Structure formats: C-alpha cells, structure tokens
C-alpha cells in the first residue's frame, strides 16, 4: 500500500465515519434519556433513503400511510389514558389534538405533494417531515408505558420493534434496492486524491448537525431538560420535567438523525429495506466505544469504525464486517473489567 491508496482509504473512512458518528450520537442520546438501546435506529436510515427514492419516481410512499396510522394509534392511547385518569373531556381532547395535529398535517401535505416531481431539496425536506415524527410516535406506542422497566425488558422491546419495522419496510418498499441522485456532482482534486461533492456534503452536514446538537443541549430549554433527564430521571421529574415528553423528544431527534443519515448515504450506495440494520449496528459499535455515555467519545469511536472498515476492505474485503464488529469485544471486556456490573433493583 502506498500513500495514495492510504489517503483514498482514509477519505473513504472519514466519510463513512461521519455517518456512523450521527447514528452513534443518536443512540447515546436515546440511551441517556430513556435507557433504551435503540436497535431500530437503522430502520430510519432505510425509511429515509427509500422514501426519497419513491418521491423521486413520483409515487406516494407507504411511509405516509404508516405515519398517519401511528398518529391515529397514539391519539387513541392518549384518549384511553386520559379517560383512565378521569380528566375532563375537553382537556383530554385538547391535549390529544395538540400532539396529533403535526403528524396529521404533515401526512396530508405529503399526500398532496408526493405525486408531483418536486425539486430534490423539497423532496428531501418532505422526506424528513414524513420520517421524523415516527420516532416520537413509536416511543408513545412501544416504550412510554414501559419507561420504568429494566434495561433488559426495554432491549427486548427494541428487538421486537426492529423486526416489525424491517418487515414493514419490505412491505412498503419491496425487495429491490434504490440509490438516490447525488446532491452535488462536483469533484475536487488534491494531488493524487479525488474528493466528491457528495463526500463534502456528508462531512459538512455531519459537522453542522453535531454543532447544532451541541448548541441545542447547551442553550435551549428543551435541550437542558433532556440533559437533566439523562443525569437524573427522578430528580428531573421532581423538578417538573416530564419524562414522557423527554422520551418523545429524544426519539424524534433520533428519527431525524437516522432519516438524514439515510439521505446522505443513499447517493453513495444502494439501500435496501434491511440495509439500515447493518449501518445502525456500526453506529452502535461506535457508541459502545464511548460506553453509551459520551457524545465526543461516540464521535471519535465512529471515525475509528469508519477507518477500520475502509482499511479492512482493502486488506480483507470478505471479512471487513467481521473485523469491524470484532473490535467491540476488547472494548466490552475492558469496560466490564473497569466497571463491574451490578444488578438492577
């Protein structure tokens, strides 16, 4: 291997690592706030990429129907919960309407705009609008009632949600894969190395989103509420911060990050209905490097995963996935030795 090949592999690793960094940050966020190891994170990657592919063809993606169904089911659950709590009927309907109207409005607008072959940027925004609300709705349907359950129970639920979303992905998009058009067709030369415009967008968007998340957590009231919930759930609840609202917000952010990651990576590789699982699993490896607790550590771990994957594809392409996932073993052993496990009570 000479310096030119090493540089090409490094650029490729950093590009993929930027995507894994976003997914790792989302996984750390969800786990810190809700204690959920969010295995279905990768499904939002596939949903985002394949929803955009459907819009590119002038179709109405079935993810719009799914969004409306989730919103309706969540509204029914909210009404039942309000009835059991003996809330006044007017107050119950007002609360349900406040939570239900954004996804319903997005669904109606998406139905109207989907058949039109709109500019790519508008389709990207429409895709994010369709997929992002699914995160909070999934939390309401699958996790909110189990918020105080053990991590093991929440993990089992995540496995079930993953299989359900993967099966639905096959129904929504079929078994054929799709690759979306590049957002920027430019190519930049730096000596013997070539950098595509799409790679620049991936790295730039990842850095911008990481900075936006930092500002959100440091400066905004909602971000500080999420940080407080992550540090001490009981203390945050005693201070008037709703753990249910924090959970919905963290899942919504995770869905947004997953959908954006799918949009960014889809011009560089063909995405199938089940491709998100493997991509999300690499983000999980990066998050484990950080102990599912540190955002900077997760970002650094993601870059390491991207570089390991790139160089492994050169030296042993048939075993690159094995090499990437094997790197998690020494990390787990080291963390198990440093922080002995204690049973939950």
Protein backbone atom coordinates (compact mmCIF):
# COMPACT_ATOMS: atom_id res chain seq x y z
CA UNK A 1 0.00 0.00 0.00
CA UNK A 2 1.40 3.40 -0.96
CA UNK A 3 0.50 6.86 0.31
CA UNK A 4 -2.03 7.48 -2.47
CA UNK A 5 -4.06 4.38 -1.65
CA UNK A 6 -3.81 5.11 2.08
CA UNK A 7 -5.14 8.62 1.50
CA UNK A 8 -8.05 7.34 -0.58
CA UNK A 9 -8.95 4.81 2.09
CA UNK A 10 -8.67 7.46 4.79
CA UNK A 11 -11.05 9.79 2.95
CA UNK A 12 -13.50 6.93 2.46
CA UNK A 13 -13.23 6.00 6.14
CA UNK A 14 -13.81 9.56 7.30
CA UNK A 15 -16.85 9.89 5.03
CA UNK A 16 -18.45 6.71 6.36
CA UNK A 17 -17.34 7.58 9.87
CA UNK A 18 -19.24 10.86 9.66
CA UNK A 19 -22.47 8.90 9.06
CA UNK A 20 -21.69 6.46 11.86
CA UNK A 21 -20.99 9.42 14.15
CA UNK A 22 -24.50 10.77 13.64
CA UNK A 23 -26.06 7.39 14.39
CA UNK A 24 -23.82 6.90 17.42
CA UNK A 25 -24.83 10.29 18.81
CA UNK A 26 -28.49 9.39 18.36
CA UNK A 27 -28.01 6.08 20.17
CA UNK A 28 -26.18 7.74 23.06
CA UNK A 29 -28.92 10.39 23.31
CA UNK A 30 -31.75 7.86 23.40
CA UNK A 31 -29.98 5.61 25.91
CA UNK A 32 -29.01 8.50 28.19
CA UNK A 33 -32.57 9.86 28.34
CA UNK A 34 -34.66 6.67 28.25
CA UNK A 35 -32.24 3.76 28.96
CA UNK A 36 -33.36 2.23 25.66
CA UNK A 37 -30.73 0.54 23.48
CA UNK A 38 -32.41 1.68 20.29
CA UNK A 39 -31.74 -1.17 17.86
CA UNK A 40 -34.31 0.16 15.31
CA UNK A 41 -32.20 3.28 14.75
CA UNK A 42 -31.01 1.86 11.42
CA UNK A 43 -34.55 1.40 10.15
CA UNK A 44 -34.96 5.18 10.00
CA UNK A 45 -31.91 5.24 7.71
CA UNK A 46 -33.64 2.89 5.27
CA UNK A 47 -37.00 4.63 5.62
CA UNK A 48 -35.44 8.00 4.83
CA UNK A 49 -33.47 6.81 1.81
CA UNK A 50 -36.27 4.74 0.28
CA UNK A 51 -38.98 7.33 0.94
CA UNK A 52 -36.92 9.82 -1.05
CA UNK A 53 -36.48 7.20 -3.78
CA UNK A 54 -40.27 6.85 -4.00
CA UNK A 55 -40.73 10.60 -4.22
CA UNK A 56 -38.12 10.71 -7.00
CA UNK A 57 -40.34 8.36 -9.01
CA UNK A 58 -43.46 10.44 -8.39
CA UNK A 59 -45.04 7.82 -6.13
CA UNK A 60 -46.84 8.27 -2.83
CA UNK A 61 -44.64 6.31 -0.36
CA UNK A 62 -46.45 3.98 2.01
CA UNK A 63 -44.50 5.59 4.84
CA UNK A 64 -47.08 8.39 4.66
CA UNK A 65 -49.84 5.89 5.43
CA UNK A 66 -47.67 4.49 8.23
CA UNK A 67 -47.19 7.94 9.74
CA UNK A 68 -50.95 8.57 9.75
CA UNK A 69 -51.61 5.15 11.29
CA UNK A 70 -49.07 5.76 14.05
CA UNK A 71 -50.60 9.17 14.77
CA UNK A 72 -54.10 7.67 14.98
CA UNK A 73 -52.99 4.84 17.31
CA UNK A 74 -51.11 7.28 19.54
CA UNK A 75 -54.19 9.52 19.74
CA UNK A 76 -56.33 6.54 20.79
CA UNK A 77 -53.84 5.59 23.50
CA UNK A 78 -53.75 9.17 24.77
CA UNK A 79 -57.55 9.29 24.94
CA UNK A 80 -57.68 5.99 26.84
CA UNK A 81 -55.02 7.23 29.27
CA UNK A 82 -56.94 10.48 29.81
CA UNK A 83 -60.18 8.54 30.42
CA UNK A 84 -58.48 6.29 32.98
CA UNK A 85 -57.04 9.36 34.71
CA UNK A 86 -60.58 10.85 34.77
CA UNK A 87 -59.50 14.03 33.00
CA UNK A 88 -62.22 16.40 31.80
CA UNK A 89 -63.25 15.54 28.27
CA UNK A 90 -62.44 18.97 26.84
CA UNK A 91 -58.96 18.95 28.37
CA UNK A 92 -58.30 15.41 27.13
CA UNK A 93 -59.28 16.22 23.55
CA UNK A 94 -57.23 19.43 23.60
CA UNK A 95 -54.11 17.58 24.74
CA UNK A 96 -54.56 14.83 22.16
CA UNK A 97 -55.17 17.36 19.38
CA UNK A 98 -52.02 19.30 20.29
CA UNK A 99 -49.92 16.15 19.90
CA UNK A 100 -51.74 14.68 16.89
CA UNK A 101 -52.09 17.63 14.52
CA UNK A 102 -48.40 17.98 13.43
CA UNK A 103 -48.04 14.41 12.02
CA UNK A 104 -51.55 14.54 10.58
CA UNK A 105 -50.82 17.84 8.84
CA UNK A 106 -47.52 16.50 7.51
CA UNK A 107 -49.28 13.40 6.21
CA UNK A 108 -51.96 15.40 4.39
CA UNK A 109 -49.40 17.76 2.84
CA UNK A 110 -47.22 14.80 1.83
CA UNK A 111 -50.19 13.11 0.13
CA UNK A 112 -50.76 16.28 -1.88
CA UNK A 113 -47.13 16.90 -2.83
CA UNK A 114 -45.83 13.34 -3.31
CA UNK A 115 -47.13 12.75 -6.89
CA UNK A 116 -45.52 16.00 -8.03
CA UNK A 117 -41.92 15.62 -9.12
CA UNK A 118 -40.66 18.47 -6.99
CA UNK A 119 -37.05 19.72 -6.82
CA UNK A 120 -34.66 17.44 -4.91
CA UNK A 121 -34.28 19.82 -1.96
CA UNK A 122 -38.07 19.98 -1.46
CA UNK A 123 -38.27 16.19 -1.62
CA UNK A 124 -35.52 15.95 0.99
CA UNK A 125 -37.42 18.27 3.33
CA UNK A 126 -40.65 16.35 2.70
CA UNK A 127 -38.89 13.05 3.49
CA UNK A 128 -37.54 14.42 6.76
CA UNK A 129 -41.03 15.67 7.59
CA UNK A 130 -42.52 12.22 6.99
CA UNK A 131 -39.95 10.12 8.85
CA UNK A 132 -39.00 12.37 11.79
CA UNK A 133 -42.38 12.29 13.65
CA UNK A 134 -42.32 8.48 13.58
CA UNK A 135 -39.71 8.46 16.34
CA UNK A 136 -41.86 10.17 18.94
CA UNK A 137 -44.92 8.17 17.91
CA UNK A 138 -43.02 4.87 18.25
CA UNK A 139 -41.93 5.91 21.72
CA UNK A 140 -45.55 6.58 22.66
CA UNK A 141 -46.77 3.24 21.32
CA UNK A 142 -43.95 0.88 22.32
CA UNK A 143 -41.90 2.41 25.12
CA UNK A 144 -43.73 5.03 27.16
CA UNK A 145 -45.77 2.57 29.21
CA UNK A 146 -42.53 0.66 29.98
CA UNK A 147 -40.46 3.69 30.88
CA UNK A 148 -39.63 2.33 34.34
CA UNK A 149 -38.89 -1.23 33.19
CA UNK A 150 -35.41 -2.73 33.32
CA UNK A 151 -32.87 -2.20 30.55
CA UNK A 152 -33.26 -5.86 29.58
CA UNK A 153 -37.03 -5.50 29.06
CA UNK A 154 -36.51 -2.35 27.02
CA UNK A 155 -33.88 -4.15 24.93
CA UNK A 156 -36.31 -6.99 24.20
CA UNK A 157 -38.92 -4.44 23.12
CA UNK A 158 -36.34 -2.81 20.84
CA UNK A 159 -35.62 -6.15 19.19
CA UNK A 160 -39.35 -6.62 18.57
CA UNK A 161 -39.72 -3.10 17.14
CA UNK A 162 -36.71 -3.72 14.89
CA UNK A 163 -38.20 -6.87 13.40
CA UNK A 164 -41.58 -5.19 12.98
CA UNK A 165 -40.10 -2.18 11.16
CA UNK A 166 -37.91 -4.40 8.96
CA UNK A 167 -40.96 -6.43 7.92
CA UNK A 168 -42.93 -3.27 7.25
CA UNK A 169 -40.01 -1.94 5.22
CA UNK A 170 -40.26 -4.97 2.94
CA UNK A 171 -44.00 -4.30 2.52
CA UNK A 172 -43.50 -0.57 1.92
CA UNK A 173 -40.53 -0.66 -0.46
CA UNK A 174 -40.22 -4.19 -1.80
CA UNK A 175 -37.02 -6.23 -2.03
CA UNK A 176 -35.39 -4.05 -4.70
CA UNK A 177 -32.79 -1.55 -3.63
CA UNK A 178 -32.58 2.11 -4.63
CA UNK A 179 -29.83 4.67 -5.00
CA UNK A 180 -30.71 8.35 -4.96
CA UNK A 181 -29.08 11.07 -7.08
CA UNK A 182 -26.10 12.89 -5.67
CA UNK A 183 -26.78 16.23 -4.02
CA UNK A 184 -23.63 17.72 -5.55
CA UNK A 185 -21.89 16.29 -8.63
CA UNK A 186 -18.68 18.30 -8.27
CA UNK A 187 -15.28 16.64 -7.88
CA UNK A 188 -12.26 18.17 -6.16
CA UNK A 189 -8.67 17.14 -6.76
CA UNK A 190 -5.97 17.39 -4.10
CA UNK A 191 -2.84 15.96 -5.66
CA UNK A 192 -3.50 12.29 -6.40
CA UNK A 193 -6.66 12.22 -4.29
CA UNK A 194 -10.16 12.94 -5.52
CA UNK A 195 -12.96 14.15 -3.24
CA UNK A 196 -16.53 14.04 -4.47
CA UNK A 197 -19.05 16.76 -3.77
CA UNK A 198 -21.29 14.22 -2.04
CA UNK A 199 -18.48 13.37 0.40
CA UNK A 200 -18.08 17.07 1.16
CA UNK A 201 -21.81 17.33 1.84
CA UNK A 202 -21.75 14.25 4.11
CA UNK A 203 -18.86 15.52 6.19
CA UNK A 204 -20.15 19.10 6.24
CA UNK A 205 -23.70 18.10 7.17
CA UNK A 206 -22.42 15.80 9.92
CA UNK A 207 -20.24 18.51 11.43
CA UNK A 208 -23.07 21.06 11.18
CA UNK A 209 -25.55 18.72 12.86
CA UNK A 210 -23.11 17.89 15.67
CA UNK A 211 -22.61 21.61 16.29
CA UNK A 212 -26.38 22.17 16.17
CA UNK A 213 -26.91 19.41 18.75
CA UNK A 214 -24.26 20.96 20.99
CA UNK A 215 -25.99 24.35 20.79
CA UNK A 216 -29.36 22.68 21.40
CA UNK A 217 -28.18 20.97 24.58
CA UNK A 218 -26.21 23.97 25.85
CA UNK A 219 -28.53 26.86 25.02
CA UNK A 220 -32.13 25.70 24.64
CA UNK A 221 -34.60 24.95 27.43
CA UNK A 222 -35.64 21.64 25.84
CA UNK A 223 -32.02 20.61 25.45
CA UNK A 224 -31.28 21.34 29.09
CA UNK A 225 -34.38 19.36 30.07
CA UNK A 226 -33.04 16.37 28.12
CA UNK A 227 -29.65 16.72 29.83
CA UNK A 228 -31.31 16.87 33.22
CA UNK A 229 -33.35 13.75 32.46
CA UNK A 230 -30.21 11.96 31.30
CA UNK A 231 -28.34 12.85 34.51
CA UNK A 232 -31.13 12.06 36.97
CA UNK A 233 -34.55 10.91 35.80
CA UNK A 234 -36.16 11.11 39.23
CA UNK A 235 -34.66 14.50 40.02
CA UNK A 236 -35.79 15.88 36.65
CA UNK A 237 -39.30 14.56 37.29
CA UNK A 238 -39.38 16.21 40.72
CA UNK A 239 -38.37 19.49 39.08
CA UNK A 240 -41.39 19.30 36.76
CA UNK A 241 -39.70 17.85 33.65
CA UNK A 242 -41.93 15.25 32.03
CA UNK A 243 -40.00 12.05 31.39
CA UNK A 244 -42.59 11.11 28.74
CA UNK A 245 -42.01 14.39 26.86
CA UNK A 246 -38.24 13.94 27.17
CA UNK A 247 -38.54 10.42 25.78
CA UNK A 248 -40.66 11.54 22.83
CA UNK A 249 -38.26 14.37 22.04
CA UNK A 250 -35.19 12.12 22.19
CA UNK A 251 -36.82 9.56 19.88
CA UNK A 252 -37.91 12.32 17.49
CA UNK A 253 -34.34 13.62 17.30
CA UNK A 254 -33.08 10.07 16.76
CA UNK A 255 -35.55 9.58 13.89
CA UNK A 256 -34.46 12.88 12.32
CA UNK A 257 -30.78 11.92 12.57
CA UNK A 258 -31.49 8.47 11.14
CA UNK A 259 -33.52 9.82 8.22
CA UNK A 260 -30.87 12.47 7.47
CA UNK A 261 -28.15 9.82 7.57
CA UNK A 262 -30.11 7.73 5.08
CA UNK A 263 -30.49 10.71 2.74
CA UNK A 264 -26.77 11.47 2.94
CA UNK A 265 -25.55 7.93 2.36
CA UNK A 266 -28.08 6.85 -0.29
CA UNK A 267 -26.27 8.53 -3.24
CA UNK A 268 -23.09 6.57 -2.41
CA UNK A 269 -24.54 3.06 -2.03
CA UNK A 270 -27.67 1.10 -2.88
CA UNK A 271 -30.07 0.95 0.07
CA UNK A 272 -32.40 -1.98 0.61
CA UNK A 273 -35.26 -2.29 3.06
CA UNK A 274 -32.98 -4.07 5.56
CA UNK A 275 -29.74 -2.15 4.91
CA UNK A 276 -30.29 0.14 7.85
CA UNK A 277 -29.68 -2.57 10.43
CA UNK A 278 -26.04 -3.11 9.45
CA UNK A 279 -25.39 0.63 9.16
CA UNK A 280 -27.02 1.28 12.52
CA UNK A 281 -25.06 -1.57 14.09
CA UNK A 282 -21.81 0.14 13.16
CA UNK A 283 -23.10 3.27 14.86
CA UNK A 284 -23.85 1.11 17.88
CA UNK A 285 -20.26 -0.18 17.89
CA UNK A 286 -19.07 3.44 17.94
CA UNK A 287 -21.49 4.27 20.77
CA UNK A 288 -20.19 1.29 22.78
CA UNK A 289 -16.67 2.66 22.41
CA UNK A 290 -17.98 5.63 24.39
CA UNK A 291 -19.83 3.47 26.90
CA UNK A 292 -23.18 4.79 25.59
CA UNK A 293 -22.48 7.86 27.69
CA UNK A 294 -20.12 10.30 25.95
CA UNK A 295 -21.02 12.26 22.83
CA UNK A 296 -17.42 13.21 21.93
CA UNK A 297 -16.34 9.63 22.61
CA UNK A 298 -19.08 8.32 20.32
CA UNK A 299 -17.96 10.65 17.51
CA UNK A 300 -14.32 9.58 17.88
CA UNK A 301 -15.37 5.93 18.03
CA UNK A 302 -17.39 6.38 14.82
CA UNK A 303 -14.38 7.77 12.97
CA UNK A 304 -12.35 4.80 14.20
CA UNK A 305 -15.03 2.40 12.93
CA UNK A 306 -15.07 4.14 9.54
CA UNK A 307 -11.28 3.94 9.21
CA UNK A 308 -11.15 0.31 10.34
CA UNK A 309 -13.85 -0.56 7.81
CA UNK A 310 -12.07 1.25 4.97
CA UNK A 311 -8.66 -0.31 5.56
CA UNK A 312 -10.21 -3.73 6.21
CA UNK A 313 -11.98 -3.56 2.85
CA UNK A 314 -8.55 -3.15 1.24
CA UNK A 315 -6.69 -5.86 3.13
CA UNK A 316 -9.52 -8.40 3.58
CA UNK A 317 -12.72 -7.22 1.90
CA UNK A 318 -14.53 -10.51 2.54
CA UNK A 319 -14.01 -10.13 6.29
CA UNK A 320 -14.39 -6.38 6.74
CA UNK A 321 -17.69 -6.69 8.64
CA UNK A 322 -16.21 -9.38 10.89
CA UNK A 323 -13.18 -7.18 11.63
CA UNK A 324 -15.35 -4.15 12.43
CA UNK A 325 -17.66 -6.00 14.80
CA UNK A 326 -14.79 -7.91 16.43
CA UNK A 327 -13.31 -4.62 17.60
CA UNK A 328 -16.19 -4.31 20.05
CA UNK A 329 -15.02 -7.34 22.05
CA UNK A 330 -11.88 -5.85 23.66
CA UNK A 331 -13.84 -2.67 24.41
CA UNK A 332 -16.56 -4.64 26.19
CA UNK A 333 -14.00 -6.70 28.12
CA UNK A 334 -12.15 -3.57 29.19
CA UNK A 335 -15.32 -1.81 30.30
CA UNK A 336 -16.53 -4.92 32.11
CA UNK A 337 -13.23 -5.07 33.99
CA UNK A 338 -13.19 -1.35 34.78
CA UNK A 339 -16.89 -1.02 35.71
CA UNK A 340 -18.15 -4.29 37.24
CA UNK A 341 -21.84 -5.00 36.55
CA UNK A 342 -24.40 -4.51 39.30
CA UNK A 343 -27.87 -6.00 39.15
CA UNK A 344 -30.73 -3.54 38.80
CA UNK A 345 -33.22 -3.29 41.67
